[in-house]
Amino acid sequence: MPAAKALRIAAVTLLCATPGCTTTQGSVALRPDGTPGPEECPEEAKRTMRALKLRVGDTSWVELDANQIQSTPIMLYDGPIESMLEKDFGTLETTTRLYGQVWTGGPQVVIRYYEAHPPDTEKLPICAVARLSMNQLRKLPESRPGIAVLGGSSAGVAIVDSFR
């Protein structure tokens, strides 16, 4: 009986070590400006991304907030986010949901994605970031602490092997 209990504890520990567990996402160290510090991409996510034919540097396009599609401007809050793919991404099809975390503390929004949820299947661990060039994720002047106002609802999303 003790071996079965130890096995259950190990399974729960392993489950909470996956990117979808809030204990890993909530423990990211913040820099002095409020942006998240470095974070490694878990091996499980790297294996999943290889199986999905997603390589570091691959990009696609997302609606940043599934509740504010094609809105201008949009408001993003510190905390969890649900985004939606606008075009296929490796073997992930359009309308796949991406789940991650938003930080609004720095001069621009930082969004890290930890899970993909394709239609008709379970959530899968990934490592990706929202990106736009030319300061397009920069907060507008009307932003307040904990809330970022952005001029558009879409952004690029890129696969990474670690968060920097």
N, C-alpha and C. Protein backbone atom coordinates (compact mmCIF):
# COMPACT_ATOMS: atom_id res chain seq x y z
N MET A 1 0.80 -1.21 0.00
CA MET A 1 0.00 0.00 0.00
C MET A 1 0.85 1.28 0.00
N PRO A 2 1.95 1.36 0.76
CA PRO A 2 2.78 2.56 0.72
C PRO A 2 3.34 2.84 -0.68
N ALA A 3 3.64 1.80 -1.46
CA ALA A 3 4.16 2.00 -2.81
C ALA A 3 3.12 2.65 -3.70
N ALA A 4 1.84 2.28 -3.56
CA ALA A 4 0.77 2.88 -4.36
C ALA A 4 0.61 4.36 -4.00
N LYS A 5 0.70 4.66 -2.70
CA LYS A 5 0.58 6.05 -2.26
C LYS A 5 1.75 6.88 -2.80
N ALA A 6 2.96 6.33 -2.77
CA ALA A 6 4.14 7.02 -3.29
C ALA A 6 4.00 7.26 -4.79
N LEU A 7 3.44 6.28 -5.51
CA LEU A 7 3.22 6.42 -6.94
C LEU A 7 2.23 7.55 -7.24
N ARG A 8 1.14 7.64 -6.45
CA ARG A 8 0.16 8.72 -6.63
C ARG A 8 0.80 10.07 -6.36
N ILE A 9 1.60 10.17 -5.31
CA ILE A 9 2.27 11.43 -4.98
C ILE A 9 3.22 11.82 -6.11
N ALA A 10 3.95 10.86 -6.65
CA ALA A 10 4.87 11.15 -7.76
C ALA A 10 4.10 11.61 -8.98
N ALA A 11 2.95 11.01 -9.26
CA ALA A 11 2.14 11.40 -10.42
C ALA A 11 1.62 12.83 -10.25
N VAL A 12 1.15 13.17 -9.06
CA VAL A 12 0.65 14.53 -8.81
C VAL A 12 1.79 15.53 -8.92
N THR A 13 2.96 15.18 -8.39
CA THR A 13 4.13 16.06 -8.48
C THR A 13 4.51 16.29 -9.94
N LEU A 14 4.52 15.22 -10.74
CA LEU A 14 4.84 15.34 -12.15
C LEU A 14 3.81 16.19 -12.87
N LEU A 15 2.53 15.99 -12.56
CA LEU A 15 1.47 16.77 -13.18
C LEU A 15 1.66 18.25 -12.89
N CYS A 16 1.99 18.60 -11.66
CA CYS A 16 2.17 20.00 -11.30
C CYS A 16 3.47 20.57 -11.83
N ALA A 17 4.34 19.74 -12.38
CA ALA A 17 5.56 20.25 -13.00
C ALA A 17 5.33 20.59 -14.46
N THR A 18 4.16 20.28 -15.00
CA THR A 18 3.87 20.59 -16.39
C THR A 18 3.51 22.05 -16.53
N PRO A 19 3.64 22.63 -17.74
CA PRO A 19 3.40 24.05 -17.94
C PRO A 19 1.99 24.50 -17.59
N GLY A 20 1.02 23.63 -17.62
CA GLY A 20 -0.34 24.05 -17.33
C GLY A 20 -0.62 24.24 -15.86
N CYS A 21 0.27 23.84 -15.01
CA CYS A 21 0.04 23.95 -13.57
C CYS A 21 0.36 25.36 -13.11
N THR A 22 -0.54 25.95 -12.36
CA THR A 22 -0.36 27.34 -11.97
C THR A 22 0.84 27.55 -11.06
N THR A 23 1.31 26.52 -10.40
CA THR A 23 2.45 26.72 -9.52
C THR A 23 3.71 27.05 -10.30
N THR A 24 3.86 26.54 -11.52
CA THR A 24 5.05 26.87 -12.29
C THR A 24 4.91 28.25 -12.92
N GLN A 25 3.76 28.60 -13.41
CA GLN A 25 3.58 29.90 -14.05
C GLN A 25 3.56 31.03 -13.04
N GLY A 26 3.07 30.77 -11.85
CA GLY A 26 2.95 31.81 -10.86
C GLY A 26 4.26 32.12 -10.15
N SER A 27 5.30 31.31 -10.37
CA SER A 27 6.54 31.49 -9.65
C SER A 27 7.63 32.13 -10.50
N VAL A 28 7.30 32.73 -11.61
CA VAL A 28 8.29 33.37 -12.45
C VAL A 28 8.80 34.62 -11.73
N ALA A 29 10.12 34.73 -11.59
CA ALA A 29 10.71 35.91 -10.95
C ALA A 29 10.51 37.14 -11.83
N LEU A 30 10.17 38.24 -11.21
CA LEU A 30 9.97 39.49 -11.95
C LEU A 30 11.22 40.36 -11.87
N ARG A 31 11.50 41.04 -12.97
CA ARG A 31 12.59 42.01 -13.01
C ARG A 31 12.11 43.29 -12.31
N PRO A 32 13.02 44.22 -12.04
CA PRO A 32 12.61 45.47 -11.37
C PRO A 32 11.52 46.27 -12.11
N ASP A 33 11.48 46.15 -13.45
CA ASP A 33 10.45 46.90 -14.20
C ASP A 33 9.11 46.16 -14.28
N GLY A 34 9.00 44.98 -13.65
CA GLY A 34 7.75 44.23 -13.63
C GLY A 34 7.62 43.20 -14.73
N THR A 35 8.60 43.08 -15.60
CA THR A 35 8.56 42.07 -16.65
C THR A 35 9.08 40.74 -16.10
N PRO A 36 8.64 39.62 -16.66
CA PRO A 36 9.07 38.32 -16.15
C PRO A 36 10.52 38.02 -16.51
N GLY A 37 11.18 37.34 -15.61
CA GLY A 37 12.56 36.93 -15.85
C GLY A 37 12.63 35.66 -16.68
N PRO A 38 13.83 35.13 -16.86
CA PRO A 38 14.03 33.92 -17.66
C PRO A 38 13.27 32.73 -17.08
N GLU A 39 12.90 31.84 -17.99
CA GLU A 39 12.18 30.63 -17.59
C GLU A 39 12.48 29.55 -18.64
N GLU A 40 12.80 28.37 -18.19
CA GLU A 40 13.09 27.27 -19.11
C GLU A 40 11.80 26.67 -19.66
N CYS A 41 11.87 26.18 -20.88
CA CYS A 41 10.77 25.43 -21.47
C CYS A 41 10.91 23.98 -21.02
N PRO A 42 9.87 23.42 -20.42
CA PRO A 42 9.96 22.03 -19.94
C PRO A 42 10.19 21.04 -21.09
N GLU A 43 10.89 19.96 -20.80
CA GLU A 43 11.18 18.92 -21.80
C GLU A 43 9.89 18.36 -22.41
N GLU A 44 8.84 18.20 -21.61
CA GLU A 44 7.57 17.69 -22.14
C GLU A 44 7.03 18.61 -23.23
N ALA A 45 7.13 19.92 -23.03
CA ALA A 45 6.67 20.88 -24.04
C ALA A 45 7.54 20.79 -25.29
N LYS A 46 8.85 20.64 -25.12
CA LYS A 46 9.74 20.51 -26.28
C LYS A 46 9.40 19.26 -27.10
N ARG A 47 9.13 18.14 -26.41
CA ARG A 47 8.74 16.90 -27.12
C ARG A 47 7.42 17.11 -27.85
N THR A 48 6.47 17.74 -27.19
CA THR A 48 5.16 17.98 -27.81
C THR A 48 5.30 18.86 -29.04
N MET A 49 6.11 19.92 -28.94
CA MET A 49 6.29 20.82 -30.08
C MET A 49 6.92 20.09 -31.25
N ARG A 50 7.88 19.22 -30.98
CA ARG A 50 8.48 18.43 -32.08
C ARG A 50 7.41 17.56 -32.75
N ALA A 51 6.56 16.93 -31.95
CA ALA A 51 5.50 16.09 -32.51
C ALA A 51 4.50 16.91 -33.32
N LEU A 52 4.29 18.18 -32.93
CA LEU A 52 3.36 19.07 -33.64
C LEU A 52 4.02 19.75 -34.84
N LYS A 53 5.30 19.41 -35.08
CA LYS A 53 6.07 20.01 -36.17
C LYS A 53 6.23 21.51 -35.99
N LEU A 54 6.45 21.92 -34.74
CA LEU A 54 6.72 23.32 -34.40
C LEU A 54 8.19 23.44 -34.00
N ARG A 55 8.92 24.29 -34.72
CA ARG A 55 10.34 24.49 -34.44
C ARG A 55 10.56 25.89 -33.87
N VAL A 56 11.62 26.05 -33.11
CA VAL A 56 11.97 27.36 -32.56
C VAL A 56 12.05 28.36 -33.71
N GLY A 57 11.37 29.47 -33.55
CA GLY A 57 11.34 30.50 -34.58
C GLY A 57 10.12 30.44 -35.48
N ASP A 58 9.41 29.31 -35.51
CA ASP A 58 8.18 29.24 -36.30
C ASP A 58 7.20 30.28 -35.77
N THR A 59 6.47 30.90 -36.68
CA THR A 59 5.53 31.96 -36.29
C THR A 59 4.16 31.74 -36.91
N SER A 60 3.20 32.36 -36.29
CA SER A 60 1.83 32.40 -36.79
C SER A 60 1.22 33.71 -36.33
N TRP A 61 -0.08 33.79 -36.35
CA TRP A 61 -0.79 35.01 -35.99
C TRP A 61 -1.93 34.64 -35.04
N VAL A 62 -2.13 35.44 -33.98
CA VAL A 62 -3.18 35.19 -33.01
C VAL A 62 -4.01 36.44 -32.74
N GLU A 63 -5.26 36.18 -32.37
CA GLU A 63 -6.06 37.20 -31.71
C GLU A 63 -5.65 37.12 -30.26
N LEU A 64 -5.15 38.22 -29.71
CA LEU A 64 -4.58 38.18 -28.36
C LEU A 64 -5.57 37.74 -27.30
N ASP A 65 -6.77 38.26 -27.33
CA ASP A 65 -7.77 37.92 -26.32
C ASP A 65 -9.01 37.40 -27.03
N ALA A 66 -9.33 36.13 -26.78
CA ALA A 66 -10.48 35.51 -27.46
C ALA A 66 -11.79 36.22 -27.14
N ASN A 67 -11.82 37.05 -26.11
CA ASN A 67 -13.03 37.80 -25.76
C ASN A 67 -13.06 39.19 -26.38
N GLN A 68 -11.99 39.58 -27.08
CA GLN A 68 -11.93 40.92 -27.68
C GLN A 68 -11.49 40.86 -29.14
N ILE A 69 -11.98 39.85 -29.86
CA ILE A 69 -11.56 39.64 -31.25
C ILE A 69 -11.91 40.86 -32.10
N GLN A 70 -10.90 41.33 -32.86
CA GLN A 70 -11.00 42.45 -33.78
C GLN A 70 -11.49 43.73 -33.11
N SER A 71 -11.23 43.90 -31.83
CA SER A 71 -11.57 45.12 -31.13
C SER A 71 -10.38 46.08 -31.17
N THR A 72 -10.69 47.37 -31.14
CA THR A 72 -9.65 48.39 -31.10
C THR A 72 -10.14 49.54 -30.24
N PRO A 73 -9.41 49.94 -29.23
CA PRO A 73 -8.27 49.25 -28.63
C PRO A 73 -8.73 48.08 -27.79
N ILE A 74 -7.77 47.32 -27.26
CA ILE A 74 -8.11 46.24 -26.33
C ILE A 74 -7.40 46.49 -25.01
N MET A 75 -7.95 45.91 -23.95
CA MET A 75 -7.33 45.99 -22.63
C MET A 75 -6.93 44.59 -22.21
N LEU A 76 -5.68 44.44 -21.81
CA LEU A 76 -5.18 43.18 -21.28
C LEU A 76 -4.81 43.39 -19.81
N TYR A 77 -5.13 42.42 -18.99
CA TYR A 77 -4.88 42.49 -17.56
C TYR A 77 -3.78 41.52 -17.18
N ASP A 78 -3.03 41.85 -16.12
CA ASP A 78 -2.07 40.90 -15.58
C ASP A 78 -2.79 39.61 -15.25
N GLY A 79 -2.20 38.48 -15.64
CA GLY A 79 -2.80 37.20 -15.30
C GLY A 79 -3.01 36.32 -16.51
N PRO A 80 -3.90 35.35 -16.38
CA PRO A 80 -4.12 34.38 -17.47
C PRO A 80 -4.73 35.03 -18.71
N ILE A 81 -4.42 34.41 -19.86
CA ILE A 81 -4.99 34.88 -21.13
C ILE A 81 -5.35 33.68 -21.99
N GLU A 82 -6.41 33.84 -22.77
CA GLU A 82 -6.82 32.86 -23.77
C GLU A 82 -6.78 33.56 -25.12
N SER A 83 -5.89 33.12 -25.99
CA SER A 83 -5.76 33.67 -27.34
C SER A 83 -6.24 32.63 -28.34
N MET A 84 -6.41 33.04 -29.60
CA MET A 84 -6.90 32.12 -30.63
C MET A 84 -6.08 32.27 -31.90
N LEU A 85 -5.60 31.14 -32.43
CA LEU A 85 -4.85 31.17 -33.69
C LEU A 85 -5.72 31.68 -34.83
N GLU A 86 -5.16 32.56 -35.64
CA GLU A 86 -5.84 33.06 -36.83
C GLU A 86 -5.41 32.32 -38.08
N LYS A 87 -4.29 31.60 -38.00
CA LYS A 87 -3.85 30.77 -39.13
C LYS A 87 -3.14 29.56 -38.58
N ASP A 88 -3.05 28.51 -39.39
CA ASP A 88 -2.42 27.27 -38.95
C ASP A 88 -1.01 27.51 -38.45
N PHE A 89 -0.58 26.67 -37.52
CA PHE A 89 0.70 26.82 -36.84
C PHE A 89 1.27 25.42 -36.68
N GLY A 90 2.22 25.01 -37.54
CA GLY A 90 2.65 23.62 -37.56
C GLY A 90 1.44 22.77 -37.88
N THR A 91 1.15 21.78 -37.05
CA THR A 91 -0.05 20.97 -37.26
C THR A 91 -1.25 21.48 -36.46
N LEU A 92 -1.07 22.59 -35.73
CA LEU A 92 -2.20 23.20 -35.01
C LEU A 92 -3.03 24.01 -36.00
N GLU A 93 -4.32 23.78 -36.00
CA GLU A 93 -5.18 24.45 -36.97
C GLU A 93 -5.74 25.76 -36.43
N THR A 94 -6.22 26.57 -37.36
CA THR A 94 -6.89 27.81 -37.01
C THR A 94 -7.97 27.52 -35.97
N THR A 95 -8.19 28.43 -35.09
CA THR A 95 -9.13 28.39 -33.95
C THR A 95 -8.58 27.64 -32.75
N THR A 96 -7.36 27.05 -32.85
CA THR A 96 -6.73 26.48 -31.66
C THR A 96 -6.59 27.59 -30.63
N ARG A 97 -6.89 27.28 -29.39
CA ARG A 97 -6.73 28.24 -28.30
C ARG A 97 -5.34 28.11 -27.71
N LEU A 98 -4.73 29.23 -27.38
CA LEU A 98 -3.46 29.26 -26.68
C LEU A 98 -3.69 29.86 -25.31
N TYR A 99 -3.18 29.19 -24.29
CA TYR A 99 -3.36 29.66 -22.91
C TYR A 99 -2.00 30.04 -22.33
N GLY A 100 -1.98 31.17 -21.65
CA GLY A 100 -0.73 31.63 -21.09
C GLY A 100 -0.93 32.68 -20.03
N GLN A 101 0.08 33.53 -19.92
CA GLN A 101 0.15 34.52 -18.85
C GLN A 101 0.54 35.86 -19.45
N VAL A 102 -0.07 36.93 -18.93
CA VAL A 102 0.22 38.31 -19.36
C VAL A 102 0.88 39.05 -18.20
N TRP A 103 1.91 39.81 -18.54
CA TRP A 103 2.53 40.75 -17.60
C TRP A 103 2.48 42.13 -18.22
N THR A 104 1.99 43.11 -17.49
CA THR A 104 1.83 44.47 -18.01
C THR A 104 2.76 45.46 -17.33
N GLY A 105 3.69 45.00 -16.49
CA GLY A 105 4.50 45.89 -15.66
C GLY A 105 5.53 46.71 -16.39
N GLY A 106 6.04 46.26 -17.49
CA GLY A 106 7.10 46.99 -18.20
C GLY A 106 6.53 47.95 -19.22
N PRO A 107 7.38 48.48 -20.10
CA PRO A 107 6.92 49.43 -21.11
C PRO A 107 6.04 48.80 -22.19
N GLN A 108 6.13 47.48 -22.33
CA GLN A 108 5.25 46.79 -23.27
C GLN A 108 4.76 45.49 -22.64
N VAL A 109 3.70 44.96 -23.18
CA VAL A 109 3.09 43.74 -22.67
C VAL A 109 3.98 42.54 -22.98
N VAL A 110 4.08 41.62 -22.04
CA VAL A 110 4.77 40.35 -22.26
C VAL A 110 3.72 39.25 -22.12
N ILE A 111 3.64 38.39 -23.14
CA ILE A 111 2.71 37.26 -23.11
C ILE A 111 3.50 36.00 -23.41
N ARG A 112 3.40 35.05 -22.48
CA ARG A 112 4.01 33.73 -22.65
C ARG A 112 2.89 32.71 -22.71
N TYR A 113 2.98 31.82 -23.70
CA TYR A 113 1.99 30.76 -23.84
C TYR A 113 2.59 29.44 -23.38
N TYR A 114 1.79 28.70 -22.56
CA TYR A 114 2.23 27.44 -21.99
C TYR A 114 1.42 26.25 -22.50
N GLU A 115 0.25 26.50 -23.09
CA GLU A 115 -0.60 25.40 -23.56
C GLU A 115 -1.30 25.78 -24.86
N ALA A 116 -1.52 24.76 -25.70
CA ALA A 116 -2.34 24.89 -26.90
C ALA A 116 -3.51 23.93 -26.74
N HIS A 117 -4.69 24.37 -27.14
CA HIS A 117 -5.88 23.52 -27.05
C HIS A 117 -6.54 23.45 -28.42
N PRO A 118 -6.11 22.48 -29.24
CA PRO A 118 -6.72 22.32 -30.57
C PRO A 118 -8.18 21.89 -30.44
N PRO A 119 -8.99 22.19 -31.46
CA PRO A 119 -10.39 21.73 -31.42
C PRO A 119 -10.44 20.20 -31.31
N ASP A 120 -11.35 19.72 -30.52
CA ASP A 120 -11.62 18.28 -30.39
C ASP A 120 -10.46 17.45 -29.85
N THR A 121 -9.59 18.03 -29.04
CA THR A 121 -8.54 17.26 -28.39
C THR A 121 -8.19 17.92 -27.06
N GLU A 122 -7.28 17.29 -26.31
CA GLU A 122 -6.92 17.84 -25.01
C GLU A 122 -5.87 18.93 -25.16
N LYS A 123 -5.63 19.66 -24.07
CA LYS A 123 -4.60 20.70 -24.06
C LYS A 123 -3.23 20.05 -24.15
N LEU A 124 -2.30 20.75 -24.82
CA LEU A 124 -0.95 20.26 -25.04
C LEU A 124 0.05 21.30 -24.56
N PRO A 125 1.14 20.88 -23.90
CA PRO A 125 2.12 21.86 -23.45
C PRO A 125 2.95 22.40 -24.61
N ILE A 126 3.18 23.70 -24.62
CA ILE A 126 4.03 24.36 -25.62
C ILE A 126 4.79 25.49 -24.92
N CYS A 127 5.71 26.09 -25.64
CA CYS A 127 6.39 27.31 -25.20
C CYS A 127 6.38 28.28 -26.37
N ALA A 128 5.68 29.38 -26.20
CA ALA A 128 5.57 30.37 -27.27
C ALA A 128 5.38 31.75 -26.64
N VAL A 129 5.65 32.78 -27.43
CA VAL A 129 5.49 34.16 -26.97
C VAL A 129 4.75 34.97 -28.03
N ALA A 130 4.02 35.98 -27.57
CA ALA A 130 3.41 36.94 -28.49
C ALA A 130 4.49 37.94 -28.86
N ARG A 131 4.55 38.29 -30.15
CA ARG A 131 5.58 39.23 -30.62
C ARG A 131 5.02 40.12 -31.71
N LEU A 132 5.43 41.36 -31.67
CA LEU A 132 5.20 42.27 -32.78
C LEU A 132 6.40 43.21 -32.85
N SER A 133 6.82 43.52 -34.05
CA SER A 133 7.94 44.45 -34.21
C SER A 133 7.44 45.89 -34.12
N MET A 134 8.36 46.79 -34.11
CA MET A 134 8.07 48.22 -34.11
C MET A 134 7.20 48.67 -32.93
N ASN A 135 7.44 48.07 -31.75
CA ASN A 135 6.79 48.47 -30.50
C ASN A 135 5.27 48.33 -30.52
N GLN A 136 4.73 47.41 -31.31
CA GLN A 136 3.27 47.29 -31.41
C GLN A 136 2.65 46.61 -30.20
N LEU A 137 3.43 46.04 -29.30
CA LEU A 137 2.88 45.56 -28.03
C LEU A 137 3.15 46.57 -26.92
N ARG A 138 3.59 47.76 -27.31
CA ARG A 138 3.82 48.83 -26.34
C ARG A 138 2.47 49.33 -25.83
N LYS A 139 2.41 49.57 -24.54
CA LYS A 139 1.17 50.04 -23.92
C LYS A 139 0.89 51.47 -24.35
N LEU A 140 -0.40 51.77 -24.55
CA LEU A 140 -0.81 53.13 -24.86
C LEU A 140 -0.80 53.97 -23.58
N PRO A 141 -0.71 55.30 -23.71
CA PRO A 141 -0.61 56.17 -22.53
C PRO A 141 -1.76 56.02 -21.53
N GLU A 142 -2.93 55.62 -21.98
CA GLU A 142 -4.07 55.49 -21.06
C GLU A 142 -4.02 54.21 -20.21
N SER A 143 -2.97 53.40 -20.36
CA SER A 143 -2.80 52.19 -19.54
C SER A 143 -2.58 52.58 -18.08
N ARG A 144 -3.09 51.73 -17.21
CA ARG A 144 -2.94 51.92 -15.76
C ARG A 144 -2.20 50.72 -15.18
N PRO A 145 -1.72 50.81 -13.94
CA PRO A 145 -1.05 49.65 -13.35
C PRO A 145 -1.93 48.39 -13.40
N GLY A 146 -1.36 47.30 -13.91
CA GLY A 146 -2.08 46.04 -14.00
C GLY A 146 -2.97 45.90 -15.23
N ILE A 147 -3.09 46.98 -16.02
CA ILE A 147 -3.93 46.98 -17.22
C ILE A 147 -3.15 47.62 -18.36
N ALA A 148 -3.05 46.90 -19.47
CA ALA A 148 -2.39 47.44 -20.65
C ALA A 148 -3.43 47.69 -21.72
N VAL A 149 -3.43 48.88 -22.27
CA VAL A 149 -4.28 49.21 -23.40
C VAL A 149 -3.40 49.14 -24.64
N LEU A 150 -3.84 48.32 -25.62
CA LEU A 150 -3.10 48.15 -26.87
C LEU A 150 -3.94 48.63 -28.04
N GLY A 151 -3.27 49.10 -29.07
CA GLY A 151 -3.96 49.64 -30.23
C GLY A 151 -4.58 48.62 -31.15
N GLY A 152 -4.22 47.36 -31.04
CA GLY A 152 -4.78 46.33 -31.90
C GLY A 152 -4.99 45.03 -31.16
N SER A 153 -5.78 44.15 -31.77
CA SER A 153 -6.13 42.90 -31.10
C SER A 153 -5.32 41.70 -31.55
N SER A 154 -4.48 41.85 -32.59
CA SER A 154 -3.72 40.73 -33.13
C SER A 154 -2.24 40.90 -32.88
N ALA A 155 -1.54 39.77 -32.88
CA ALA A 155 -0.08 39.79 -32.75
C ALA A 155 0.48 38.52 -33.37
N GLY A 156 1.76 38.54 -33.60
CA GLY A 156 2.45 37.33 -34.01
C GLY A 156 2.68 36.46 -32.79
N VAL A 157 2.82 35.18 -33.02
CA VAL A 157 3.18 34.24 -31.95
C VAL A 157 4.35 33.42 -32.48
N ALA A 158 5.36 33.23 -31.62
CA ALA A 158 6.57 32.53 -32.04
C ALA A 158 6.91 31.42 -31.05
N ILE A 159 7.36 30.30 -31.56
CA ILE A 159 7.81 29.18 -30.74
C ILE A 159 9.19 29.50 -30.18
N VAL A 160 9.39 29.18 -28.90
CA VAL A 160 10.67 29.39 -28.25
C VAL A 160 11.08 28.11 -27.50
N ASP A 161 12.37 27.99 -27.19
CA ASP A 161 12.82 26.85 -26.39
C ASP A 161 13.12 27.26 -24.96
N SER A 162 13.03 28.56 -24.68
CA SER A 162 13.10 29.10 -23.31
C SER A 162 12.55 30.52 -23.37
N PHE A 163 12.16 31.00 -22.22
CA PHE A 163 11.66 32.37 -22.14
C PHE A 163 12.77 33.23 -21.57
N ARG A 164 13.03 34.36 -22.19
CA ARG A 164 14.16 35.23 -21.76
C ARG A 164 13.68 36.52 -21.19
